[in-house]
PDB file of N, CA and C in Angstrom:
ATOM      1  N   UNK A   1       1.263  -0.966   0.063  1.00  0.00           N
ATOM      2  CA  UNK A   1      -0.352  -0.068  -0.226  1.00  0.00           C
ATOM      3  C   UNK A   1       0.673   1.272   0.293  1.00  0.00           C
ATOM      4  N   UNK A   2       2.081   1.382   0.794  1.00  0.00           N
ATOM      5  CA  UNK A   2       2.931   2.519   0.389  1.00  0.00           C
ATOM      6  C   UNK A   2       3.221   2.733  -0.661  1.00  0.00           C
ATOM      7  N   UNK A   3       3.518   1.559  -1.607  1.00  0.00           N
ATOM      8  CA  UNK A   3       4.260   1.928  -3.040  1.00  0.00           C
ATOM      9  C   UNK A   3       3.043   3.136  -3.351  1.00  0.00           C
ATOM     10  N   UNK A   4       1.718   2.615  -3.456  1.00  0.00           N
ATOM     11  CA  UNK A   4       0.406   3.154  -4.565  1.00  0.00           C
ATOM     12  C   UNK A   4       0.597   4.201  -3.791  1.00  0.00           C
ATOM     13  N   UNK A   5       0.211   4.351  -2.636  1.00  0.00           N
ATOM     14  CA  UNK A   5       0.376   5.896  -1.821  1.00  0.00           C
ATOM     15  C   UNK A   5       1.348   7.061  -1.938  1.00  0.00           C
ATOM     16  N   UNK A   6       2.574   6.714  -1.708  1.00  0.00           N
ATOM     17  CA  UNK A   6       3.730   7.314  -2.869  1.00  0.00           C
ATOM     18  C   UNK A   6       3.319   7.369  -3.941  1.00  0.00           C
ATOM     19  N   UNK A   7       3.095   6.611  -4.734  1.00  0.00           N
ATOM     20  CA  UNK A   7       3.101   6.956  -6.448  1.00  0.00           C
ATOM     21  C   UNK A   7       1.833   7.821  -6.385  1.00  0.00           C
ATOM     22  N   UNK A   8       0.312   7.791  -5.625  1.00  0.00           N
ATOM     23  CA  UNK A   8      -0.935   8.730  -5.605  1.00  0.00           C
ATOM     24  C   UNK A   8      -0.058  10.197  -5.106  1.00  0.00           C
ATOM     25  N   UNK A   9       0.895  10.237  -4.449  1.00  0.00           N
ATOM     26  CA  UNK A   9       1.226  11.888  -4.195  1.00  0.00           C
ATOM     27  C   UNK A   9       1.676  12.079  -5.352  1.00  0.00           C
ATOM     28  N   UNK A  10       2.697  11.231  -5.869  1.00  0.00           N
ATOM     29  CA  UNK A  10       3.623  11.904  -6.186  1.00  0.00           C
ATOM     30  C   UNK A  10       3.220  12.390  -7.827  1.00  0.00           C
ATOM     31  N   UNK A  11       1.787  11.826  -8.352  1.00  0.00           N
ATOM     32  CA  UNK A  11       1.273  11.753  -9.220  1.00  0.00           C
ATOM     33  C   UNK A  11       0.510  13.215  -8.743  1.00  0.00           C
ATOM     34  N   UNK A  12       0.050  13.124  -8.131  1.00  0.00           N
ATOM     35  CA  UNK A  12      -0.889  14.606  -7.612  1.00  0.00           C
ATOM     36  C   UNK A  12       0.047  15.866  -7.515  1.00  0.00           C
ATOM     37  N   UNK A  13       1.409  15.204  -7.249  1.00  0.00           N
ATOM     38  CA  UNK A  13       2.192  16.745  -7.198  1.00  0.00           C
ATOM     39  C   UNK A  13       2.578  17.129  -8.481  1.00  0.00           C
ATOM     40  N   UNK A  14       2.981  16.319  -9.389  1.00  0.00           N
ATOM     41  CA  UNK A  14       3.361  16.914 -10.675  1.00  0.00           C
ATOM     42  C   UNK A  14       1.863  16.923 -11.427  1.00  0.00           C
ATOM     43  N   UNK A  15       1.208  16.593 -11.525  1.00  0.00           N
ATOM     44  CA  UNK A  15      -0.091  17.397 -11.563  1.00  0.00           C
ATOM     45  C   UNK A  15      -0.644  18.525 -11.492  1.00  0.00           C
ATOM     46  N   UNK A  16      -0.329  18.750 -10.185  1.00  0.00           N
ATOM     47  CA  UNK A  16      -0.497  20.219  -9.456  1.00  0.00           C
ATOM     48  C   UNK A  16       0.440  21.066 -10.094  1.00  0.00           C
ATOM     49  N   UNK A  17       1.613  20.605 -10.634  1.00  0.00           N
ATOM     50  CA  UNK A  17       2.793  21.579 -10.996  1.00  0.00           C
ATOM     51  C   UNK A  17       2.489  22.168 -12.384  1.00  0.00           C
ATOM     52  N   UNK A  18       1.874  21.258 -12.695  1.00  0.00           N
ATOM     53  CA  UNK A  18       1.059  21.613 -14.240  1.00  0.00           C
ATOM     54  C   UNK A  18       2.220  21.437 -15.507  1.00  0.00           C
ATOM     55  N   UNK A  19       3.434  20.445 -14.728  1.00  0.00           N
ATOM     56  CA  UNK A  19       4.521  20.184 -15.949  1.00  0.00           C
ATOM     57  C   UNK A  19       5.117  18.905 -15.299  1.00  0.00           C
ATOM     58  N   UNK A  20       5.817  18.121 -16.113  1.00  0.00           N
ATOM     59  CA  UNK A  20       6.208  16.768 -16.111  1.00  0.00           C
ATOM     60  C   UNK A  20       7.846  16.653 -16.475  1.00  0.00           C
ATOM     61  N   UNK A  21       8.559  17.287 -16.309  1.00  0.00           N
ATOM     62  CA  UNK A  21       9.714  17.385 -17.292  1.00  0.00           C
ATOM     63  C   UNK A  21      10.614  16.323 -17.037  1.00  0.00           C
ATOM     64  N   UNK A  22      10.590  15.320 -16.363  1.00  0.00           N
ATOM     65  CA  UNK A  22      10.871  14.019 -16.500  1.00  0.00           C
ATOM     66  C   UNK A  22       9.972  12.608 -16.950  1.00  0.00           C
ATOM     67  N   UNK A  23       8.952  13.474 -17.710  1.00  0.00           N
ATOM     68  CA  UNK A  23       8.206  12.608 -17.935  1.00  0.00           C
ATOM     69  C   UNK A  23       7.923  11.321 -17.137  1.00  0.00           C
ATOM     70  N   UNK A  24       7.409  11.078 -15.518  1.00  0.00           N
ATOM     71  CA  UNK A  24       7.282  10.773 -14.778  1.00  0.00           C
ATOM     72  C   UNK A  24       5.262   9.902 -14.811  1.00  0.00           C
ATOM     73  N   UNK A  25       4.627  10.734 -15.132  1.00  0.00           N
ATOM     74  CA  UNK A  25       3.244  10.471 -15.239  1.00  0.00           C
ATOM     75  C   UNK A  25       2.552   9.292 -15.765  1.00  0.00           C
ATOM     76  N   UNK A  26       3.223   9.159 -16.986  1.00  0.00           N
ATOM     77  CA  UNK A  26       3.004   7.564 -17.436  1.00  0.00           C
ATOM     78  C   UNK A  26       3.588   6.652 -16.617  1.00  0.00           C
ATOM     79  N   UNK A  27       4.422   6.686 -16.459  1.00  0.00           N
ATOM     80  CA  UNK A  27       4.866   5.402 -15.138  1.00  0.00           C
ATOM     81  C   UNK A  27       4.231   5.393 -13.991  1.00  0.00           C
ATOM     82  N   UNK A  28       4.131   6.360 -13.468  1.00  0.00           N
ATOM     83  CA  UNK A  28       2.748   6.677 -12.428  1.00  0.00           C
ATOM     84  C   UNK A  28       1.848   6.149 -12.532  1.00  0.00           C
ATOM     85  N   UNK A  29       0.972   6.553 -13.594  1.00  0.00           N
ATOM     86  CA  UNK A  29      -0.147   5.916 -13.757  1.00  0.00           C
ATOM     87  C   UNK A  29      -0.138   4.108 -14.165  1.00  0.00           C
ATOM     88  N   UNK A  30       0.738   3.537 -14.772  1.00  0.00           N
ATOM     89  CA  UNK A  30       1.633   2.164 -14.873  1.00  0.00           C
ATOM     90  C   UNK A  30       0.980   1.495 -13.490  1.00  0.00           C
ATOM     91  N   UNK A  31       2.050   2.137 -12.641  1.00  0.00           N
ATOM     92  CA  UNK A  31       2.193   1.486 -11.093  1.00  0.00           C
ATOM     93  C   UNK A  31       0.455   1.714 -10.824  1.00  0.00           C
ATOM     94  N   UNK A  32       0.182   2.555 -10.808  1.00  0.00           N
ATOM     95  CA  UNK A  32      -1.077   3.106  -9.499  1.00  0.00           C
ATOM     96  C   UNK A  32      -1.981   1.791 -10.411  1.00  0.00           C
ATOM     97  N   UNK A  33      -2.151   2.090 -11.732  1.00  0.00           N
ATOM     98  CA  UNK A  33      -3.146   0.949 -12.531  1.00  0.00           C
ATOM     99  C   UNK A  33      -3.103  -0.192 -12.030  1.00  0.00           C
ATOM    100  N   UNK A  34      -1.841  -1.057 -12.104  1.00  0.00           N
ATOM    101  CA  UNK A  34      -0.883  -2.325 -11.918  1.00  0.00           C
ATOM    102  C   UNK A  34      -1.381  -2.376 -10.385  1.00  0.00           C
ATOM    103  N   UNK A  35      -1.245  -1.607  -9.591  1.00  0.00           N
ATOM    104  CA  UNK A  35      -1.471  -2.328  -7.996  1.00  0.00           C
ATOM    105  C   UNK A  35      -2.361  -1.936  -7.782  1.00  0.00           C
ATOM    106  N   UNK A  36      -3.610  -1.531  -8.536  1.00  0.00           N
ATOM    107  CA  UNK A  36      -5.245  -1.649  -7.796  1.00  0.00           C
ATOM    108  C   UNK A  36      -5.281  -2.436  -8.759  1.00  0.00           C
ATOM    109  N   UNK A  37      -5.381  -2.926  -9.780  1.00  0.00           N
ATOM    110  CA  UNK A  37      -5.829  -4.238 -10.417  1.00  0.00           C
ATOM    111  C   UNK A  37      -5.248  -5.578  -9.069  1.00  0.00           C
ATOM    112  N   UNK A  38      -4.189  -5.360  -9.020  1.00  0.00           N
ATOM    113  CA  UNK A  38      -3.547  -6.949  -8.006  1.00  0.00           C
ATOM    114  C   UNK A  38      -4.500  -6.660  -6.865  1.00  0.00           C
ATOM    115  N   UNK A  39      -5.066  -5.274  -6.132  1.00  0.00           N
ATOM    116  CA  UNK A  39      -5.437  -4.990  -5.434  1.00  0.00           C
ATOM    117  C   UNK A  39      -7.069  -5.841  -5.484  1.00  0.00           C
ATOM    118  N   UNK A  40      -7.701  -5.529  -6.238  1.00  0.00           N
ATOM    119  CA  UNK A  40      -8.638  -6.032  -6.442  1.00  0.00           C
ATOM    120  C   UNK A  40      -9.261  -7.096  -6.989  1.00  0.00           C
ATOM    121  N   UNK A  41      -7.935  -7.815  -7.625  1.00  0.00           N
ATOM    122  CA  UNK A  41      -7.827  -9.372  -7.519  1.00  0.00           C
ATOM    123  C   UNK A  41      -8.040 -10.373  -6.662  1.00  0.00           C
ATOM    124  N   UNK A  42      -6.694  -9.928  -5.678  1.00  0.00           N
ATOM    125  CA  UNK A  42      -6.503 -10.428  -4.330  1.00  0.00           C
ATOM    126  C   UNK A  42      -7.745 -10.356  -3.410  1.00  0.00           C
ATOM    127  N   UNK A  43      -8.424  -9.495  -3.006  1.00  0.00           N
ATOM    128  CA  UNK A  43      -9.183  -8.663  -2.441  1.00  0.00           C
ATOM    129  C   UNK A  43     -10.652  -9.238  -2.637  1.00  0.00           C
ATOM    130  N   UNK A  44     -10.735  -9.206  -4.063  1.00  0.00           N
ATOM    131  CA  UNK A  44     -12.344  -9.819  -4.063  1.00  0.00           C
ATOM    132  C   UNK A  44     -13.037  -8.467  -4.197  1.00  0.00           C
ATOM    133  N   UNK A  45     -12.296  -7.311  -4.138  1.00  0.00           N
ATOM    134  CA  UNK A  45     -13.098  -5.941  -4.444  1.00  0.00           C
ATOM    135  C   UNK A  45     -14.249  -5.751  -5.398  1.00  0.00           C
ATOM    136  N   UNK A  46     -15.018  -5.334  -5.103  1.00  0.00           N
ATOM    137  CA  UNK A  46     -16.490  -5.413  -5.555  1.00  0.00           C
ATOM    138  C   UNK A  46     -17.261  -3.459  -5.774  1.00  0.00           C
ATOM    139  N   UNK A  47     -18.061  -3.317  -6.297  1.00  0.00           N
ATOM    140  CA  UNK A  47     -18.908  -2.218  -6.166  1.00  0.00           C
ATOM    141  C   UNK A  47     -20.205  -2.914  -5.633  1.00  0.00           C
ATOM    142  N   UNK A  48     -20.324  -1.802  -4.453  1.00  0.00           N
ATOM    143  CA  UNK A  48     -21.569  -1.929  -3.809  1.00  0.00           C
ATOM    144  C   UNK A  48     -22.831  -0.822  -3.064  1.00  0.00           C
ATOM    145  N   UNK A  49     -23.666  -0.780  -3.769  1.00  0.00           N
ATOM    146  CA  UNK A  49     -24.217   0.737  -4.156  1.00  0.00           C
ATOM    147  C   UNK A  49     -24.437   1.014  -2.127  1.00  0.00           C
ATOM    148  N   UNK A  50     -24.363   2.516  -2.598  1.00  0.00           N
ATOM    149  CA  UNK A  50     -24.443   3.469  -1.248  1.00  0.00           C
ATOM    150  C   UNK A  50     -24.979   3.008  -0.234  1.00  0.00           C
ATOM    151  N   UNK A  51     -26.361   2.996  -0.611  1.00  0.00           N
ATOM    152  CA  UNK A  51     -27.889   2.552  -0.053  1.00  0.00           C
ATOM    153  C   UNK A  51     -27.165   1.316   1.089  1.00  0.00           C
ATOM    154  N   UNK A  52     -26.678  -0.159   0.257  1.00  0.00           N
ATOM    155  CA  UNK A  52     -26.555  -1.117   1.267  1.00  0.00           C
ATOM    156  C   UNK A  52     -25.380  -0.911   1.904  1.00  0.00           C
ATOM    157  N   UNK A  53     -24.280  -0.138   1.080  1.00  0.00           N
ATOM    158  CA  UNK A  53     -23.456   0.094   2.066  1.00  0.00           C
ATOM    159  C   UNK A  53     -24.006   0.484   3.896  1.00  0.00           C
ATOM    160  N   UNK A  54     -24.459   1.747   3.925  1.00  0.00           N
ATOM    161  CA  UNK A  54     -24.891   2.527   4.644  1.00  0.00           C
ATOM    162  C   UNK A  54     -26.141   1.462   5.407  1.00  0.00           C
ATOM    163  N   UNK A  55     -26.892   0.717   4.724  1.00  0.00           N
ATOM    164  CA  UNK A  55     -27.613  -0.363   5.589  1.00  0.00           C
ATOM    165  C   UNK A  55     -26.842  -1.371   6.409  1.00  0.00           C
ATOM    166  N   UNK A  56     -25.915  -1.997   5.833  1.00  0.00           N
ATOM    167  CA  UNK A  56     -25.055  -2.862   6.681  1.00  0.00           C
ATOM    168  C   UNK A  56     -24.392  -2.160   7.951  1.00  0.00           C
ATOM    169  N   UNK A  57     -23.420  -0.621   7.485  1.00  0.00           N
ATOM    170  CA  UNK A  57     -23.434   0.128   8.657  1.00  0.00           C
ATOM    171  C   UNK A  57     -24.048   0.346   9.880  1.00  0.00           C
ATOM    172  N   UNK A  58     -25.564   0.451   9.474  1.00  0.00           N
ATOM    173  CA  UNK A  58     -26.223   0.972  10.673  1.00  0.00           C
ATOM    174  C   UNK A  58     -26.611  -0.448  11.369  1.00  0.00           C
ATOM    175  N   UNK A  59     -26.725  -1.620  10.361  1.00  0.00           N
ATOM    176  CA  UNK A  59     -27.130  -2.999  11.433  1.00  0.00           C
ATOM    177  C   UNK A  59     -26.399  -3.284  12.439  1.00  0.00           C
ATOM    178  N   UNK A  60     -24.581  -2.791  11.570  1.00  0.00           N
ATOM    179  CA  UNK A  60     -24.011  -3.294  12.969  1.00  0.00           C
ATOM    180  C   UNK A  60     -23.589  -2.481  13.636  1.00  0.00           C
ATOM    181  N   UNK A  61     -23.964  -1.360  13.751  1.00  0.00           N
ATOM    182  CA  UNK A  61     -24.011  -0.730  14.876  1.00  0.00           C
ATOM    183  C   UNK A  61     -24.964  -0.589  16.088  1.00  0.00           C
ATOM    184  N   UNK A  62     -26.350  -0.978  15.286  1.00  0.00           N
ATOM    185  CA  UNK A  62     -27.682  -1.358  16.255  1.00  0.00           C
ATOM    186  C   UNK A  62     -27.296  -2.848  17.107  1.00  0.00           C
ATOM    187  N   UNK A  63     -26.697  -3.605  15.932  1.00  0.00           N
ATOM    188  CA  UNK A  63     -26.340  -5.321  16.948  1.00  0.00           C
ATOM    189  C   UNK A  63     -24.918  -4.783  17.884  1.00  0.00           C
ATOM    190  N   UNK A  64     -24.075  -3.582  18.006  1.00  0.00           N
ATOM    191  CA  UNK A  64     -23.153  -3.012  18.263  1.00  0.00           C
ATOM    192  C   UNK A  64     -23.901  -2.854  19.883  1.00  0.00           C
ATOM    193  N   UNK A  65     -24.790  -2.047  19.484  1.00  0.00           N
ATOM    194  CA  UNK A  65     -25.439  -1.155  20.613  1.00  0.00           C
ATOM    195  C   UNK A  65     -26.349  -2.445  21.841  1.00  0.00           C
ATOM    196  N   UNK A  66     -26.869  -3.428  20.815  1.00  0.00           N
ATOM    197  CA  UNK A  66     -27.537  -4.191  21.667  1.00  0.00           C
ATOM    198  C   UNK A  66     -26.932  -5.315  22.467  1.00  0.00           C
ATOM    199  N   UNK A  67     -25.610  -5.642  21.864  1.00  0.00           N
ATOM    200  CA  UNK A  67     -25.025  -6.824  23.098  1.00  0.00           C
ATOM    201  C   UNK A  67     -24.339  -5.452  23.903  1.00  0.00           C
ATOM    202  N   UNK A  68     -23.916  -4.802  23.567  1.00  0.00           N
ATOM    203  CA  UNK A  68     -23.338  -3.887  24.920  1.00  0.00           C
ATOM    204  C   UNK A  68     -24.118  -3.885  25.810  1.00  0.00           C
ATOM    205  N   UNK A  69     -25.704  -3.660  25.164  1.00  0.00           N
ATOM    206  CA  UNK A  69     -27.006  -3.399  26.205  1.00  0.00           C
ATOM    207  C   UNK A  69     -27.049  -5.094  27.351  1.00  0.00           C
ATOM    208  N   UNK A  70     -26.004  -5.701  26.538  1.00  0.00           N
ATOM    209  CA  UNK A  70     -26.294  -7.159  27.335  1.00  0.00           C
ATOM    210  C   UNK A  70     -25.691  -7.262  28.239  1.00  0.00           C
ATOM    211  N   UNK A  71     -24.635  -7.232  28.265  1.00  0.00           N
ATOM    212  CA  UNK A  71     -23.360  -7.545  29.515  1.00  0.00           C
ATOM    213  C   UNK A  71     -22.629  -6.505  29.703  1.00  0.00           C
ATOM    214  N   UNK A  72     -22.457  -6.962  31.027  1.00  0.00           N
ATOM    215  CA  UNK A  72     -21.599  -5.618  32.692  1.00  0.00           C
ATOM    216  C   UNK A  72     -20.370  -4.913  32.041  1.00  0.00           C
ATOM    217  N   UNK A  73     -20.565  -3.740  31.888  1.00  0.00           N
ATOM    218  CA  UNK A  73     -19.857  -2.779  31.456  1.00  0.00           C
ATOM    219  C   UNK A  73     -18.482  -3.365  32.239  1.00  0.00           C
ATOM    220  N   UNK A  74     -17.154  -3.489  31.529  1.00  0.00           N
ATOM    221  CA  UNK A  74     -15.581  -3.493  32.316  1.00  0.00           C
ATOM    222  C   UNK A  74     -14.801  -2.432  31.730  1.00  0.00           C
ATOM    223  N   UNK A  75     -14.169  -1.691  32.199  1.00  0.00           N
ATOM    224  CA  UNK A  75     -13.260  -1.346  31.675  1.00  0.00           C
ATOM    225  C   UNK A  75     -12.082  -1.422  31.615  1.00  0.00           C
ATOM    226  N   UNK A  76     -11.850  -2.716  32.211  1.00  0.00           N
ATOM    227  CA  UNK A  76     -10.259  -3.241  32.573  1.00  0.00           C
ATOM    228  C   UNK A  76      -9.747  -2.127  33.268  1.00  0.00           C
ATOM    229  N   UNK A  77     -10.458  -1.773  34.425  1.00  0.00           N
ATOM    230  CA  UNK A  77      -9.886  -0.622  35.378  1.00  0.00           C
ATOM    231  C   UNK A  77      -9.598  -1.476  36.697  1.00  0.00           C
ATOM    232  N   UNK A  78      -8.911  -0.952  37.852  1.00  0.00           N
ATOM    233  CA  UNK A  78      -9.199  -2.195  38.812  1.00  0.00           C
ATOM    234  C   UNK A  78     -10.204  -2.143  39.659  1.00  0.00           C
ATOM    235  N   UNK A  79     -10.978  -2.724  40.213  1.00  0.00           N
ATOM    236  CA  UNK A  79     -12.657  -2.998  40.377  1.00  0.00           C
ATOM    237  C   UNK A  79     -13.710  -3.580  39.562  1.00  0.00           C
ATOM    238  N   UNK A  80     -12.911  -3.484  38.159  1.00  0.00           N
ATOM    239  CA  UNK A  80     -14.245  -2.886  37.100  1.00  0.00           C
ATOM    240  C   UNK A  80     -14.327  -4.654  36.650  1.00  0.00           C
ATOM    241  N   UNK A  81     -13.966  -5.660  36.633  1.00  0.00           N
ATOM    242  CA  UNK A  81     -13.620  -6.940  36.549  1.00  0.00           C
ATOM    243  C   UNK A  81     -12.401  -7.323  35.805  1.00  0.00           C
ATOM    244  N   UNK A  82     -12.003  -7.984  35.315  1.00  0.00           N
ATOM    245  CA  UNK A  82     -10.651  -9.232  34.798  1.00  0.00           C
ATOM    246  C   UNK A  82     -10.343  -9.028  33.738  1.00  0.00           C
ATOM    247  N   UNK A  83     -11.549  -8.298  32.985  1.00  0.00           N
ATOM    248  CA  UNK A  83     -11.202  -8.571  31.518  1.00  0.00           C
ATOM    249  C   UNK A  83     -11.806  -7.575  31.048  1.00  0.00           C
ATOM    250  N   UNK A  84     -11.153  -6.683  29.330  1.00  0.00           N
ATOM    251  CA  UNK A  84     -11.473  -5.330  28.607  1.00  0.00           C
ATOM    252  C   UNK A  84     -12.745  -6.071  28.037  1.00  0.00           C
ATOM    253  N   UNK A  85     -13.714  -5.116  27.450  1.00  0.00           N
ATOM    254  CA  UNK A  85     -14.634  -5.607  26.792  1.00  0.00           C
ATOM    255  C   UNK A  85     -14.095  -5.321  25.291  1.00  0.00           C
ATOM    256  N   UNK A  86     -13.681  -4.020  25.254  1.00  0.00           N
ATOM    257  CA  UNK A  86     -12.520  -3.751  24.220  1.00  0.00           C
ATOM    258  C   UNK A  86     -11.158  -3.756  24.395  1.00  0.00           C
ATOM    259  N   UNK A  87      -9.902  -4.180  23.771  1.00  0.00           N
ATOM    260  CA  UNK A  87      -8.469  -3.880  24.673  1.00  0.00           C
ATOM    261  C   UNK A  87      -8.294  -2.430  24.141  1.00  0.00           C
ATOM    262  N   UNK A  88      -7.867  -2.210  25.073  1.00  0.00           N
ATOM    263  CA  UNK A  88      -7.003  -1.156  25.825  1.00  0.00           C
ATOM    264  C   UNK A  88      -5.959  -0.716  25.343  1.00  0.00           C
ATOM    265  N   UNK A  89      -5.001   0.424  24.935  1.00  0.00           N
ATOM    266  CA  UNK A  89      -3.353   0.559  24.716  1.00  0.00           C
ATOM    267  C   UNK A  89      -3.487   0.804  26.062  1.00  0.00           C
ATOM    268  N   UNK A  90      -2.196   0.258  26.450  1.00  0.00           N
ATOM    269  CA  UNK A  90      -1.702   0.893  27.920  1.00  0.00           C
ATOM    270  C   UNK A  90      -0.269   1.620  27.138  1.00  0.00           C
ATOM    271  N   UNK A  91      -0.330   2.646  28.130  1.00  0.00           N
ATOM    272  CA  UNK A  91       1.041   4.038  27.621  1.00  0.00           C
ATOM    273  C   UNK A  91       1.636   3.633  28.467  1.00  0.00           C
TER     274      UNK A  91
END
C-alpha cells in the first residue's frame, strides 16, 4: 500500500505543478493501475451500492448497541472486572 500511496502523492504533485519534465506521469499511471488491479484481484473487491453500504453499517451499529446492553460493562480498570470489553492500549 505504501508504494501506491507514494505514487499517488507524486502523481498529484506533478499534476498540480502543471509540468512533468522527467516524464514521470505515464510510469506513475502504470504503477497505480497495476497495483490497484492486483488489489482488486486479491481482495475480491467489488462495487456495492451506497444505500446497501449504509444499511450494513447501520445494522452493525445497532447490533453493537444490542450486545453492549446485554453484558456488564468493564473498563479494564481495577475493581471493574478481570477483562476488558474492548482491548485498550497501555501507554
